[in-house]
C-alpha atoms as a PDB file:
ATOM      1  CA  MET A   1       0.000   0.000   0.000  1.00  0.00           C
ATOM      2  CA  ILE A   2       1.092   3.556  -0.767  1.00  0.00           C
ATOM      3  CA  LYS A   3       0.498   5.835   2.220  1.00  0.00           C
ATOM      4  CA  CYS A   4      -0.937   9.185   1.089  1.00  0.00           C
ATOM      5  CA  LEU A   5      -1.430  12.699   2.371  1.00  0.00           C
ATOM      6  CA  ALA A   6      -4.069  15.002   0.825  1.00  0.00           C
ATOM      7  CA  ILE A   7      -3.574  18.793   1.089  1.00  0.00           C
ATOM      8  CA  ASP A   8      -6.036  21.428  -0.131  1.00  0.00           C
ATOM      9  CA  ASP A   9      -7.482  24.534   1.498  1.00  0.00           C
ATOM     10  CA  GLU A  10     -10.927  23.920  -0.088  1.00  0.00           C
ATOM     11  CA  THR A  11     -13.157  21.443   1.765  1.00  0.00           C
ATOM     12  CA  LEU A  12     -15.004  20.374  -1.390  1.00  0.00           C
ATOM     13  CA  ALA A  13     -11.721  19.728  -3.198  1.00  0.00           C
ATOM     14  CA  LEU A  14     -10.508  17.658  -0.240  1.00  0.00           C
ATOM     15  CA  ASP A  15     -13.749  15.652  -0.250  1.00  0.00           C
ATOM     16  CA  LEU A  16     -13.388  14.893  -3.962  1.00  0.00           C
ATOM     17  CA  LEU A  17      -9.730  13.990  -3.508  1.00  0.00           C
ATOM     18  CA  GLU A  18     -10.526  11.659  -0.627  1.00  0.00           C
ATOM     19  CA  ASP A  19     -13.233   9.986  -2.718  1.00  0.00           C
ATOM     20  CA  ASN A  20     -10.831   9.481  -5.637  1.00  0.00           C
ATOM     21  CA  ILE A  21      -8.165   8.019  -3.358  1.00  0.00           C
ATOM     22  CA  SER A  22     -10.714   5.599  -1.884  1.00  0.00           C
ATOM     23  CA  GLN A  23     -11.363   4.206  -5.367  1.00  0.00           C
ATOM     24  CA  VAL A  24      -7.722   3.213  -5.905  1.00  0.00           C
ATOM     25  CA  PRO A  25      -6.994  -0.100  -4.143  1.00  0.00           C
ATOM     26  CA  PHE A  26      -3.263   0.493  -3.591  1.00  0.00           C
ATOM     27  CA  LEU A  27      -3.694   3.952  -2.010  1.00  0.00           C
ATOM     28  CA  ASN A  28      -4.169   4.443   1.737  1.00  0.00           C
ATOM     29  CA  LEU A  29      -5.129   7.954   2.871  1.00  0.00           C
ATOM     30  CA  VAL A  30      -3.334   8.640   6.161  1.00  0.00           C
ATOM     31  CA  LYS A  31      -4.554  12.212   6.671  1.00  0.00           C
ATOM     32  CA  ARG A  32      -6.266  15.127   4.945  1.00  0.00           C
ATOM     33  CA  CYS A  33      -4.930  18.617   5.631  1.00  0.00           C
ATOM     34  CA  LYS A  34      -6.287  22.102   4.881  1.00  0.00           C
ATOM     35  CA  ASN A  35      -2.906  23.832   4.768  1.00  0.00           C
ATOM     36  CA  ALA A  36       0.846  23.264   4.680  1.00  0.00           C
ATOM     37  CA  TYR A  37       1.236  23.762   8.436  1.00  0.00           C
ATOM     38  CA  GLU A  38      -1.028  20.796   9.198  1.00  0.00           C
ATOM     39  CA  ALA A  39       0.819  18.767   6.580  1.00  0.00           C
ATOM     40  CA  MET A  40       4.222  19.488   8.145  1.00  0.00           C
ATOM     41  CA  GLU A  41       2.986  18.191  11.494  1.00  0.00           C
ATOM     42  CA  VAL A  42       1.829  14.959   9.859  1.00  0.00           C
ATOM     43  CA  LEU A  43       5.087  14.548   7.935  1.00  0.00           C
ATOM     44  CA  GLN A  44       7.048  14.836  11.181  1.00  0.00           C
ATOM     45  CA  LYS A  45       5.081  12.001  12.761  1.00  0.00           C
ATOM     46  CA  GLU A  46       4.116   9.719   9.885  1.00  0.00           C
ATOM     47  CA  SER A  47       5.960   7.966   7.071  1.00  0.00           C
ATOM     48  CA  ILE A  48       4.257   9.251   3.905  1.00  0.00           C
ATOM     49  CA  ASP A  49       4.943   7.834   0.443  1.00  0.00           C
ATOM     50  CA  LEU A  50       2.821  10.145  -1.708  1.00  0.00           C
ATOM     51  CA  ILE A  51       1.362  13.658  -1.355  1.00  0.00           C
ATOM     52  CA  PHE A  52      -1.610  14.900  -3.369  1.00  0.00           C
ATOM     53  CA  MET A  53      -1.354  18.663  -3.042  1.00  0.00           C
ATOM     54  CA  ASP A  54      -2.806  21.959  -4.246  1.00  0.00           C
ATOM     55  CA  ILE A  55      -0.313  24.724  -5.035  1.00  0.00           C
ATOM     56  CA  GLN A  56      -2.047  27.988  -4.164  1.00  0.00           C
ATOM     57  CA  MET A  57      -2.882  27.861  -0.458  1.00  0.00           C
ATOM     58  CA  PRO A  58      -2.926  30.539   2.260  1.00  0.00           C
ATOM     59  CA  GLY A  59       0.330  30.975   4.173  1.00  0.00           C
ATOM     60  CA  ILE A  60       2.768  28.460   2.727  1.00  0.00           C
ATOM     61  CA  SER A  61       2.141  27.437  -0.883  1.00  0.00           C
ATOM     62  CA  GLY A  62       2.521  23.895  -2.154  1.00  0.00           C
ATOM     63  CA  LEU A  63       5.767  24.789  -3.920  1.00  0.00           C
ATOM     64  CA  GLN A  64       7.178  26.377  -0.757  1.00  0.00           C
ATOM     65  CA  LEU A  65       6.227  23.310   1.267  1.00  0.00           C
ATOM     66  CA  LEU A  66       7.903  21.057  -1.251  1.00  0.00           C
ATOM     67  CA  GLU A  67      11.041  23.177  -1.245  1.00  0.00           C
ATOM     68  CA  SER A  68      11.247  22.952   2.567  1.00  0.00           C
ATOM     69  CA  LEU A  69      11.290  19.137   2.604  1.00  0.00           C
ATOM     70  CA  LYS A  70      14.716  17.521   2.501  1.00  0.00           C
ATOM     71  CA  ASN A  71      13.435  13.963   2.154  1.00  0.00           C
ATOM     72  CA  ARG A  72      10.487  14.487  -0.145  1.00  0.00           C
ATOM     73  CA  PRO A  73       7.821  11.849  -0.738  1.00  0.00           C
ATOM     74  CA  MET A  74       6.377  11.399  -4.216  1.00  0.00           C
ATOM     75  CA  VAL A  75       4.185  14.370  -5.146  1.00  0.00           C
ATOM     76  CA  ILE A  76       1.192  14.806  -7.444  1.00  0.00           C
ATOM     77  CA  PHE A  77       0.010  18.393  -7.786  1.00  0.00           C
ATOM     78  CA  ILE A  78      -3.719  18.997  -8.227  1.00  0.00           C
ATOM     79  CA  THR A  79      -4.469  22.628  -9.039  1.00  0.00           C
ATOM     80  CA  ALA A  80      -6.611  24.948 -11.133  1.00  0.00           C
ATOM     81  CA  HIS A  81      -3.529  26.925 -12.218  1.00  0.00           C
ATOM     82  CA  LYS A  82      -1.806  25.443 -15.283  1.00  0.00           C
ATOM     83  CA  GLN A  83       0.976  28.030 -15.206  1.00  0.00           C
ATOM     84  CA  TYR A  84       2.612  26.249 -12.246  1.00  0.00           C
ATOM     85  CA  ALA A  85       3.285  23.076 -14.220  1.00  0.00           C
ATOM     86  CA  ILE A  86       6.877  23.970 -15.153  1.00  0.00           C
ATOM     87  CA  ASN A  87       7.727  24.918 -11.546  1.00  0.00           C
ATOM     88  CA  GLY A  88       6.324  21.615 -10.344  1.00  0.00           C
ATOM     89  CA  TYR A  89       8.370  19.501 -12.723  1.00  0.00           C
ATOM     90  CA  ASP A  90      11.542  21.247 -11.520  1.00  0.00           C
ATOM     91  CA  PHE A  91      10.951  19.273  -8.306  1.00  0.00           C
ATOM     92  CA  ASP A  92      10.660  15.903 -10.104  1.00  0.00           C
ATOM     93  CA  ILE A  93       6.996  15.509  -9.248  1.00  0.00           C
ATOM     94  CA  ILE A  94       5.146  12.393 -10.376  1.00  0.00           C
ATOM     95  CA  ASP A  95       2.341  14.230 -12.186  1.00  0.00           C
ATOM     96  CA  PHE A  96       0.479  17.526 -12.522  1.00  0.00           C
ATOM     97  CA  LEU A  97      -3.329  17.412 -12.584  1.00  0.00           C
ATOM     98  CA  VAL A  98      -5.606  20.325 -13.466  1.00  0.00           C
ATOM     99  CA  LYS A  99      -8.955  20.704 -11.686  1.00  0.00           C
ATOM    100  CA  PRO A 100     -11.537  19.390 -12.232  1.00  0.00           C
ATOM    101  CA  VAL A 101      -9.755  16.029 -12.478  1.00  0.00           C
ATOM    102  CA  PRO A 102     -11.534  13.169 -14.299  1.00  0.00           C
ATOM    103  CA  ILE A 103     -11.230   9.864 -12.436  1.00  0.00           C
ATOM    104  CA  GLU A 104      -9.486   8.328 -15.470  1.00  0.00           C
ATOM    105  CA  ARG A 105      -6.753  10.983 -15.288  1.00  0.00           C
ATOM    106  CA  PHE A 106      -6.464  10.510 -11.520  1.00  0.00           C
ATOM    107  CA  LEU A 107      -6.029   6.756 -11.993  1.00  0.00           C
ATOM    108  CA  LYS A 108      -3.321   7.323 -14.597  1.00  0.00           C
ATOM    109  CA  ALA A 109      -1.386   9.570 -12.213  1.00  0.00           C
ATOM    110  CA  SER A 110      -1.816   7.080  -9.359  1.00  0.00           C
ATOM    111  CA  ASN A 111      -0.504   4.268 -11.542  1.00  0.00           C
ATOM    112  CA  LYS A 112       2.570   6.356 -12.374  1.00  0.00           C
ATOM    113  CA  ALA A 113       3.174   6.715  -8.643  1.00  0.00           C
ATOM    114  CA  LEU A 114       2.755   2.964  -8.151  1.00  0.00           C
ATOM    115  CA  GLU A 115       5.214   2.242 -10.965  1.00  0.00           C
ATOM    116  CA  TYR A 116       7.815   4.518  -9.416  1.00  0.00           C
ATOM    117  CA  PHE A 117       7.137   3.209  -5.900  1.00  0.00           C
ATOM    118  CA  THR A 118       7.569  -0.403  -7.062  1.00  0.00           C
ATOM    119  CA  SER A 119      10.690   0.321  -9.098  1.00  0.00           C
ATOM    120  CA  LYS A 120      12.219   2.176  -6.150  1.00  0.00           C
ATOM    121  CA  GLN A 121      11.726  -0.872  -3.929  1.00  0.00           C
ATOM    122  CA  LYS A 122      13.304  -3.151  -6.544  1.00  0.00           C
ATOM    123  CA  LEU A 123      16.206  -0.772  -7.119  1.00  0.00           C
ATOM    124  CA  SER A 124      16.837  -0.531  -3.389  1.00  0.00           C
ATOM    125  CA  VAL A 125      17.254  -4.295  -3.263  1.00  0.00           C
ATOM    126  CA  ALA A 126      19.593  -4.205  -6.252  1.00  0.00           C
ATOM    127  CA  LYS A 127      21.587  -1.412  -4.651  1.00  0.00           C
ATOM    128  CA  ILE A 128      22.103  -3.415  -1.464  1.00  0.00           C
ATOM    129  CA  ALA A 129      23.018  -6.554  -3.406  1.00  0.00           C
ATOM    130  CA  SER A 130      25.653  -4.894  -5.597  1.00  0.00           C
ATOM    131  CA  PRO A 131      27.038  -1.658  -4.106  1.00  0.00           C
ATOM    132  CA  GLU A 132      30.080  -1.485  -6.408  1.00  0.00           C
ATOM    133  CA  PHE A 133      28.378  -1.517  -9.808  1.00  0.00           C
ATOM    134  CA  ILE A 134      25.067  -1.157 -11.614  1.00  0.00           C
ATOM    135  CA  PHE A 135      23.608  -2.548 -14.841  1.00  0.00           C
ATOM    136  CA  VAL A 136      21.770  -0.270 -17.276  1.00  0.00           C
ATOM    137  CA  ASN A 137      20.163  -0.818 -20.670  1.00  0.00           C
ATOM    138  CA  SER A 138      22.038   0.947 -23.444  1.00  0.00           C
ATOM    139  CA  GLU A 139      21.961   0.349 -27.210  1.00  0.00           C
ATOM    140  CA  TYR A 140      20.038  -2.918 -26.827  1.00  0.00           C
ATOM    141  CA  SER A 141      22.576  -4.286 -24.328  1.00  0.00           C
ATOM    142  CA  LEU A 142      22.772  -4.601 -20.548  1.00  0.00           C
ATOM    143  CA  VAL A 143      25.897  -2.632 -19.644  1.00  0.00           C
ATOM    144  CA  LYS A 144      27.805  -3.051 -16.386  1.00  0.00           C
ATOM    145  CA  ILE A 145      29.031   0.250 -14.932  1.00  0.00           C
ATOM    146  CA  MET A 146      31.475   0.438 -12.030  1.00  0.00           C
ATOM    147  CA  LEU A 147      30.330   3.178  -9.668  1.00  0.00           C
ATOM    148  CA  ASP A 148      33.854   4.419  -8.948  1.00  0.00           C
ATOM    149  CA  GLY A 149      34.268   5.105 -12.679  1.00  0.00           C
ATOM    150  CA  ILE A 150      31.393   7.585 -12.892  1.00  0.00           C
ATOM    151  CA  THR A 151      32.339  11.276 -12.951  1.00  0.00           C
ATOM    152  CA  HIS A 152      28.866  12.751 -13.377  1.00  0.00           C
ATOM    153  CA  ILE A 153      25.387  12.052 -14.707  1.00  0.00           C
ATOM    154  CA  GLU A 154      23.499  14.387 -17.022  1.00  0.00           C
ATOM    155  CA  GLY A 155      19.734  14.387 -17.542  1.00  0.00           C
ATOM    156  CA  MET A 156      18.217  14.847 -20.993  1.00  0.00           C
ATOM    157  CA  LYS A 157      14.411  14.548 -20.873  1.00  0.00           C
ATOM    158  CA  ASP A 158      13.557  10.820 -20.913  1.00  0.00           C
ATOM    159  CA  TYR A 159      17.210   9.717 -20.937  1.00  0.00           C
ATOM    160  CA  ILE A 160      20.356  10.218 -18.892  1.00  0.00           C
ATOM    161  CA  GLN A 161      24.006  10.304 -19.911  1.00  0.00           C
ATOM    162  CA  ILE A 162      26.407   8.541 -17.554  1.00  0.00           C
ATOM    163  CA  HIS A 163      29.885  10.036 -17.975  1.00  0.00           C
ATOM    164  CA  LEU A 164      32.815   7.764 -17.142  1.00  0.00           C
ATOM    165  CA  LYS A 165      36.458   8.685 -16.569  1.00  0.00           C
ATOM    166  CA  SER A 166      37.550   5.765 -18.776  1.00  0.00           C
ATOM    167  CA  LEU A 167      35.342   6.618 -21.783  1.00  0.00           C
ATOM    168  CA  ASP A 168      35.235   9.659 -24.063  1.00  0.00           C
ATOM    169  CA  LYS A 169      31.619   8.902 -24.946  1.00  0.00           C
ATOM    170  CA  PRO A 170      28.945   8.740 -22.201  1.00  0.00           C
ATOM    171  CA  ILE A 171      26.618   5.780 -21.698  1.00  0.00           C
ATOM    172  CA  VAL A 172      23.072   6.787 -22.687  1.00  0.00           C
ATOM    173  CA  THR A 173      20.209   4.949 -21.012  1.00  0.00           C
ATOM    174  CA  ARG A 174      16.449   5.433 -20.617  1.00  0.00           C
ATOM    175  CA  LEU A 175      16.304   6.073 -16.876  1.00  0.00           C
ATOM    176  CA  SER A 176      14.815   8.931 -14.878  1.00  0.00           C
ATOM    177  CA  PHE A 177      16.805  10.895 -12.322  1.00  0.00           C
ATOM    178  CA  LYS A 178      14.588   9.375  -9.646  1.00  0.00           C
ATOM    179  CA  ASN A 179      15.592   5.849 -10.678  1.00  0.00           C
ATOM    180  CA  ILE A 180      19.309   6.507 -10.985  1.00  0.00           C
ATOM    181  CA  GLU A 181      19.383   8.275  -7.609  1.00  0.00           C
ATOM    182  CA  ASN A 182      18.001   5.110  -6.055  1.00  0.00           C
ATOM    183  CA  LEU A 183      20.717   3.021  -7.707  1.00  0.00           C
ATOM    184  CA  ILE A 184      23.734   5.013  -6.588  1.00  0.00           C
ATOM    185  CA  PRO A 185      24.946   5.593  -2.982  1.00  0.00           C
ATOM    186  CA  SER A 186      23.894   8.996  -1.608  1.00  0.00           C
ATOM    187  CA  ASP A 187      27.175   9.410   0.319  1.00  0.00           C
ATOM    188  CA  LYS A 188      29.201   9.268  -2.919  1.00  0.00           C
ATOM    189  CA  PHE A 189      26.932  11.037  -5.409  1.00  0.00           C
ATOM    190  CA  VAL A 190      24.998  14.272  -4.992  1.00  0.00           C
ATOM    191  CA  ARG A 191      22.386  16.109  -7.053  1.00  0.00           C
ATOM    192  CA  VAL A 192      23.705  19.610  -7.778  1.00  0.00           C
ATOM    193  CA  HIS A 193      21.261  20.773 -10.441  1.00  0.00           C
ATOM    194  CA  LYS A 194      17.946  19.649 -11.891  1.00  0.00           C
ATOM    195  CA  SER A 195      19.972  18.138 -14.759  1.00  0.00           C
ATOM    196  CA  TYR A 196      23.169  16.962 -13.021  1.00  0.00           C
ATOM    197  CA  ILE A 197      24.448  14.499 -10.429  1.00  0.00           C
ATOM    198  CA  VAL A 198      28.171  14.493  -9.622  1.00  0.00           C
ATOM    199  CA  ALA A 199      30.529  11.997  -8.007  1.00  0.00           C
ATOM    200  CA  ILE A 200      31.882  13.762  -4.929  1.00  0.00           C
ATOM    201  CA  ASP A 201      35.360  12.235  -5.180  1.00  0.00           C
ATOM    202  CA  LYS A 202      35.734  13.424  -8.799  1.00  0.00           C
ATOM    203  CA  ILE A 203      35.259  17.111  -7.942  1.00  0.00           C
ATOM    204  CA  ILE A 204      38.452  19.090  -8.573  1.00  0.00           C
ATOM    205  CA  SER A 205      37.287  22.549  -7.511  1.00  0.00           C
ATOM    206  CA  ILE A 206      34.229  24.720  -6.908  1.00  0.00           C
ATOM    207  CA  ARG A 207      34.181  28.349  -7.971  1.00  0.00           C
ATOM    208  CA  HIS A 208      31.077  30.475  -7.549  1.00  0.00           C
ATOM    209  CA  ASN A 209      28.279  28.334  -9.006  1.00  0.00           C
ATOM    210  CA  LEU A 210      30.444  26.061 -11.135  1.00  0.00           C
ATOM    211  CA  ILE A 211      31.815  22.647 -10.175  1.00  0.00           C
ATOM    212  CA  ASN A 212      34.931  21.578 -12.055  1.00  0.00           C
ATOM    213  CA  ILE A 213      35.269  17.889 -12.916  1.00  0.00           C
ATOM    214  CA  GLY A 214      38.161  17.517 -15.323  1.00  0.00           C
ATOM    215  CA  SER A 215      37.196  19.176 -18.610  1.00  0.00           C
ATOM    216  CA  PHE A 216      33.589  19.643 -17.460  1.00  0.00           C
ATOM    217  CA  GLU A 217      32.070  22.581 -15.614  1.00  0.00           C
ATOM    218  CA  ILE A 218      28.813  21.568 -13.908  1.00  0.00           C
ATOM    219  CA  PRO A 219      26.367  24.293 -12.803  1.00  0.00           C
ATOM    220  CA  LEU A 220      25.391  24.335  -9.127  1.00  0.00           C
ATOM    221  CA  GLY A 221      21.680  25.106  -8.838  1.00  0.00           C
ATOM    222  CA  THR A 222      20.438  27.448  -6.121  1.00  0.00           C
ATOM    223  CA  PHE A 223      17.920  24.888  -4.842  1.00  0.00           C
ATOM    224  CA  TYR A 224      20.663  22.238  -4.351  1.00  0.00           C
ATOM    225  CA  ARG A 225      23.413  24.519  -3.025  1.00  0.00           C
ATOM    226  CA  GLU A 226      22.782  24.228   0.712  1.00  0.00           C
ATOM    227  CA  LYS A 227      22.428  20.451   0.720  1.00  0.00           C
ATOM    228  CA  PHE A 228      25.524  20.124  -1.476  1.00  0.00           C
ATOM    229  CA  PHE A 229      27.772  22.101   0.871  1.00  0.00           C
ATOM    230  CA  ASP A 230      26.296  20.411   3.932  1.00  0.00           C
ATOM    231  CA  LEU A 231      27.315  17.084   2.445  1.00  0.00           C
ATOM    232  CA  ILE A 232      30.818  17.870   1.214  1.00  0.00           C
ATOM    233  CA  THR A 233      31.864  20.039   4.164  1.00  0.00           C
ATOM    234  CA  PRO A 234      29.485  20.559   7.121  1.00  0.00           C
ATOM    235  CA  GLU A 235      31.552  23.436   8.472  1.00  0.00           C
ATOM    236  CA  TYR A 236      31.223  25.397   5.212  1.00  0.00           C
ATOM    237  CA  VAL A 237      30.377  29.077   5.707  1.00  0.00           C
ATOM    238  CA  ASP A 238      29.087  31.037   2.689  1.00  0.00           C
END
């Protein structure tokens, strides 16, 4: 079962959301909240897998709530404001639904969450079983990649490029950033931008908002900056 949290400041919208969740057999609604403050209290006490959330809410918006969470659950935005779609996808959300949401569209989004949830569990097992290497599909072959050979990983829509110190040409595979992050150890690799993950031990220098890895200069995104410096040097002072 996927444990869910529903957040919307409109009672009717919450009622409809709760009804939709009840129709999906693999979803379990843990709590419904009318604002981000209530949601934060629940997230501190409960283990939540998936959040269904409006964006425009009084006080703290959905985007601000999402930005404040270090260990974010899966998120599906449900809103009447289409213009927020791009902002939402910057946070690697599962889906973006526009009110009023047909049940068929809600089911499709829920199934996407289930697919990711299931793949994450499988990848976690694979990660424990083989911490030194991973296998990825590339050019109709299953390619073994040693983790200590990776310099950085670059996202390109539905694909990622895995750059290796031993190869001039990156390995291209159809994986999402969510999936690859679950395959690689978080103490050795860090997300530094919405399109980049870097191997910490391959970093040569950091200047302003650029990370130097050999002949590559990787941008350091504002959203990832604090977590990045906390990881590489806890005593860092900006």
